[in-house]
Amino acid sequence: MKVLNFLKATLLVVVLTVGFISCSNDDDVKSSPLVGTWGRTQDRDGDKVQYVLVFNADNTGISKTYINGTLSSKDGVENFTYDYNEVNELVTLHWTDETYSFHIKMNLSENYFSWIDDIDGDGKTLRYDKI
């Protein structure tokens, strides 16, 4: 009887140990460094134009264009989804009617990234700062 109780107790300890180990915190998913709000400003035909990109953790995003501080009625707000391959430093944005890919260089210590327009564009490098 003592041996049977000992085996039951040992089995209970093993089952509880396995149960606790298997219930480790799965919420420790590493968030992409791209997640956040980023912007750049340029002068265009005498106007101050600000481009804002918001990357959400669920791979959705919003692009906004402001002209002289006012949300543009022409470009306005556009929703997109995105894919980010951190190893290849490749971002692909998916709008309703268009897909656009570019390389990216993250500079996390200074809170900016460089958009390198070398796949679908003209090869220019654009700097987006964390807002």
C-alpha atoms as a PDB file:
ATOM      1  CA  MET A   1       0.000   0.000   0.000  1.00  0.00           C
ATOM      2  CA  LYS A   2       2.863   2.382   0.828  1.00  0.00           C
ATOM      3  CA  VAL A   3       4.443   1.643  -2.562  1.00  0.00           C
ATOM      4  CA  LEU A   4       1.147   2.343  -4.342  1.00  0.00           C
ATOM      5  CA  ASN A   5       0.708   5.680  -2.519  1.00  0.00           C
ATOM      6  CA  PHE A   6       4.316   6.564  -3.328  1.00  0.00           C
ATOM      7  CA  LEU A   7       3.742   5.810  -7.031  1.00  0.00           C
ATOM      8  CA  LYS A   8       0.531   7.864  -7.039  1.00  0.00           C
ATOM      9  CA  ALA A   9       2.315  10.798  -5.408  1.00  0.00           C
ATOM     10  CA  THR A  10       5.227  10.540  -7.854  1.00  0.00           C
ATOM     11  CA  LEU A  11       2.862  10.378 -10.822  1.00  0.00           C
ATOM     12  CA  LEU A  12       0.962  13.407  -9.517  1.00  0.00           C
ATOM     13  CA  VAL A  13       4.210  15.403  -9.191  1.00  0.00           C
ATOM     14  CA  VAL A  14       5.259  14.448 -12.734  1.00  0.00           C
ATOM     15  CA  VAL A  15       1.862  15.386 -14.209  1.00  0.00           C
ATOM     16  CA  LEU A  16       1.800  18.730 -12.377  1.00  0.00           C
ATOM     17  CA  THR A  17       5.381  19.511 -13.447  1.00  0.00           C
ATOM     18  CA  VAL A  18       4.613  18.779 -17.093  1.00  0.00           C
ATOM     19  CA  GLY A  19       1.426  20.818 -16.816  1.00  0.00           C
ATOM     20  CA  PHE A  20       3.236  23.869 -15.462  1.00  0.00           C
ATOM     21  CA  ILE A  21       6.012  23.630 -18.043  1.00  0.00           C
ATOM     22  CA  SER A  22       3.570  23.335 -20.932  1.00  0.00           C
ATOM     23  CA  CYS A  23       1.704  26.411 -19.701  1.00  0.00           C
ATOM     24  CA  SER A  24       4.649  28.728 -20.161  1.00  0.00           C
ATOM     25  CA  ASN A  25       3.849  32.282 -21.173  1.00  0.00           C
ATOM     26  CA  ASP A  26       3.207  32.297 -24.925  1.00  0.00           C
ATOM     27  CA  ASP A  27       2.566  36.052 -24.838  1.00  0.00           C
ATOM     28  CA  ASP A  28       6.295  36.774 -25.023  1.00  0.00           C
ATOM     29  CA  VAL A  29       6.092  37.122 -28.799  1.00  0.00           C
ATOM     30  CA  LYS A  30       8.744  39.542 -29.949  1.00  0.00           C
ATOM     31  CA  SER A  31       7.182  42.679 -31.367  1.00  0.00           C
ATOM     32  CA  SER A  32       8.565  43.902 -34.676  1.00  0.00           C
ATOM     33  CA  PRO A  33      10.754  47.002 -34.379  1.00  0.00           C
ATOM     34  CA  LEU A  34       8.673  48.418 -37.223  1.00  0.00           C
ATOM     35  CA  VAL A  35       5.552  48.656 -35.026  1.00  0.00           C
ATOM     36  CA  GLY A  36       4.799  52.270 -34.231  1.00  0.00           C
ATOM     37  CA  THR A  37       4.209  55.623 -35.896  1.00  0.00           C
ATOM     38  CA  TRP A  38       6.800  56.992 -38.305  1.00  0.00           C
ATOM     39  CA  GLY A  39       6.918  60.187 -40.333  1.00  0.00           C
ATOM     40  CA  ARG A  40       8.904  62.247 -42.770  1.00  0.00           C
ATOM     41  CA  THR A  41       8.456  65.789 -44.046  1.00  0.00           C
ATOM     42  CA  GLN A  42       9.410  67.363 -47.343  1.00  0.00           C
ATOM     43  CA  ASP A  43       8.803  70.601 -49.209  1.00  0.00           C
ATOM     44  CA  ARG A  44       6.727  70.103 -52.359  1.00  0.00           C
ATOM     45  CA  ASP A  45       5.820  73.063 -54.551  1.00  0.00           C
ATOM     46  CA  GLY A  46       6.104  75.456 -51.614  1.00  0.00           C
ATOM     47  CA  ASP A  47       3.987  73.268 -49.325  1.00  0.00           C
ATOM     48  CA  LYS A  48       5.172  71.364 -46.252  1.00  0.00           C
ATOM     49  CA  VAL A  49       4.094  67.749 -46.838  1.00  0.00           C
ATOM     50  CA  GLN A  50       4.221  65.225 -44.004  1.00  0.00           C
ATOM     51  CA  TYR A  51       3.919  61.506 -44.697  1.00  0.00           C
ATOM     52  CA  VAL A  52       2.930  59.358 -41.708  1.00  0.00           C
ATOM     53  CA  LEU A  53       2.996  55.560 -41.571  1.00  0.00           C
ATOM     54  CA  VAL A  54       1.462  53.646 -38.673  1.00  0.00           C
ATOM     55  CA  PHE A  55       2.490  49.983 -38.401  1.00  0.00           C
ATOM     56  CA  ASN A  56       0.370  47.904 -36.002  1.00  0.00           C
ATOM     57  CA  ALA A  57       1.442  44.646 -34.351  1.00  0.00           C
ATOM     58  CA  ASP A  58      -1.279  42.722 -36.236  1.00  0.00           C
ATOM     59  CA  ASN A  59       0.352  43.571 -39.611  1.00  0.00           C
ATOM     60  CA  THR A  60      -2.152  46.273 -40.469  1.00  0.00           C
ATOM     61  CA  GLY A  61      -1.327  49.902 -40.963  1.00  0.00           C
ATOM     62  CA  ILE A  62      -2.448  53.357 -41.996  1.00  0.00           C
ATOM     63  CA  SER A  63      -0.742  55.890 -44.234  1.00  0.00           C
ATOM     64  CA  LYS A  64      -1.630  59.563 -43.843  1.00  0.00           C
ATOM     65  CA  THR A  65      -0.582  62.586 -45.849  1.00  0.00           C
ATOM     66  CA  TYR A  66      -0.707  66.101 -44.393  1.00  0.00           C
ATOM     67  CA  ILE A  67      -0.214  69.276 -46.409  1.00  0.00           C
ATOM     68  CA  ASN A  68       0.706  72.313 -44.314  1.00  0.00           C
ATOM     69  CA  GLY A  69      -0.573  70.500 -41.221  1.00  0.00           C
ATOM     70  CA  THR A  70      -3.978  69.562 -42.684  1.00  0.00           C
ATOM     71  CA  LEU A  71      -4.939  66.029 -43.648  1.00  0.00           C
ATOM     72  CA  SER A  72      -4.933  65.951 -47.421  1.00  0.00           C
ATOM     73  CA  SER A  73      -8.320  65.472 -49.056  1.00  0.00           C
ATOM     74  CA  LYS A  74      -6.590  64.070 -52.154  1.00  0.00           C
ATOM     75  CA  ASP A  75      -4.293  61.493 -50.546  1.00  0.00           C
ATOM     76  CA  GLY A  76      -5.917  61.420 -47.121  1.00  0.00           C
ATOM     77  CA  VAL A  77      -5.825  58.199 -45.179  1.00  0.00           C
ATOM     78  CA  GLU A  78      -5.209  54.778 -46.658  1.00  0.00           C
ATOM     79  CA  ASN A  79      -5.339  51.445 -44.849  1.00  0.00           C
ATOM     80  CA  PHE A  80      -2.903  48.708 -45.712  1.00  0.00           C
ATOM     81  CA  THR A  81      -1.556  45.386 -44.542  1.00  0.00           C
ATOM     82  CA  TYR A  82       2.136  44.631 -44.515  1.00  0.00           C
ATOM     83  CA  ASP A  83       4.726  41.898 -44.337  1.00  0.00           C
ATOM     84  CA  TYR A  84       8.095  42.519 -42.715  1.00  0.00           C
ATOM     85  CA  ASN A  85      10.995  40.122 -43.203  1.00  0.00           C
ATOM     86  CA  GLU A  86      13.475  41.245 -40.562  1.00  0.00           C
ATOM     87  CA  VAL A  87      16.249  38.953 -41.846  1.00  0.00           C
ATOM     88  CA  ASN A  88      16.108  40.295 -45.428  1.00  0.00           C
ATOM     89  CA  GLU A  89      15.125  43.788 -44.254  1.00  0.00           C
ATOM     90  CA  LEU A  90      12.226  43.716 -46.719  1.00  0.00           C
ATOM     91  CA  VAL A  91       8.844  45.386 -46.253  1.00  0.00           C
ATOM     92  CA  THR A  92       5.864  44.783 -48.527  1.00  0.00           C
ATOM     93  CA  LEU A  93       2.829  47.042 -48.235  1.00  0.00           C
ATOM     94  CA  HIS A  94      -0.512  45.784 -49.567  1.00  0.00           C
ATOM     95  CA  TRP A  95      -3.179  48.326 -50.441  1.00  0.00           C
ATOM     96  CA  THR A  96      -6.517  47.427 -52.003  1.00  0.00           C
ATOM     97  CA  ASP A  97      -5.285  47.955 -55.573  1.00  0.00           C
ATOM     98  CA  GLU A  98      -1.493  47.950 -55.215  1.00  0.00           C
ATOM     99  CA  THR A  99       1.424  46.113 -53.630  1.00  0.00           C
ATOM    100  CA  TYR A 100       4.723  47.881 -52.988  1.00  0.00           C
ATOM    101  CA  SER A 101       8.010  46.430 -51.703  1.00  0.00           C
ATOM    102  CA  PHE A 102      11.145  48.151 -50.430  1.00  0.00           C
ATOM    103  CA  HIS A 103      14.195  47.447 -48.305  1.00  0.00           C
ATOM    104  CA  ILE A 104      14.529  49.009 -44.898  1.00  0.00           C
ATOM    105  CA  LYS A 105      17.402  49.752 -42.544  1.00  0.00           C
ATOM    106  CA  MET A 106      16.348  50.134 -38.923  1.00  0.00           C
ATOM    107  CA  ASN A 107      18.339  52.453 -36.677  1.00  0.00           C
ATOM    108  CA  LEU A 108      16.668  51.741 -33.364  1.00  0.00           C
ATOM    109  CA  SER A 109      19.193  53.596 -31.242  1.00  0.00           C
ATOM    110  CA  GLU A 110      18.300  56.853 -33.010  1.00  0.00           C
ATOM    111  CA  ASN A 111      14.609  55.987 -33.606  1.00  0.00           C
ATOM    112  CA  TYR A 112      14.469  56.122 -37.369  1.00  0.00           C
ATOM    113  CA  PHE A 113      14.430  53.832 -40.359  1.00  0.00           C
ATOM    114  CA  SER A 114      15.643  54.331 -43.905  1.00  0.00           C
ATOM    115  CA  TRP A 115      13.227  53.340 -46.674  1.00  0.00           C
ATOM    116  CA  ILE A 116      15.399  52.220 -49.584  1.00  0.00           C
ATOM    117  CA  ASP A 117      13.282  52.419 -52.718  1.00  0.00           C
ATOM    118  CA  ASP A 118      15.323  49.875 -54.678  1.00  0.00           C
ATOM    119  CA  ILE A 119      12.729  47.256 -55.665  1.00  0.00           C
ATOM    120  CA  ASP A 120       9.628  48.977 -57.047  1.00  0.00           C
ATOM    121  CA  GLY A 121      10.957  52.534 -57.139  1.00  0.00           C
ATOM    122  CA  ASP A 122      13.781  54.775 -58.222  1.00  0.00           C
ATOM    123  CA  GLY A 123      16.458  53.812 -55.679  1.00  0.00           C
ATOM    124  CA  LYS A 124      16.077  56.851 -53.420  1.00  0.00           C
ATOM    125  CA  THR A 125      16.534  56.546 -49.668  1.00  0.00           C
ATOM    126  CA  LEU A 126      13.885  58.194 -47.486  1.00  0.00           C
ATOM    127  CA  ARG A 127      14.278  58.702 -43.742  1.00  0.00           C
ATOM    128  CA  TYR A 128      11.261  58.100 -41.475  1.00  0.00           C
ATOM    129  CA  ASP A 129      11.572  59.206 -37.843  1.00  0.00           C
ATOM    130  CA  LYS A 130       9.662  57.682 -34.934  1.00  0.00           C
ATOM    131  CA  ILE A 131       6.860  60.023 -33.904  1.00  0.00           C
END
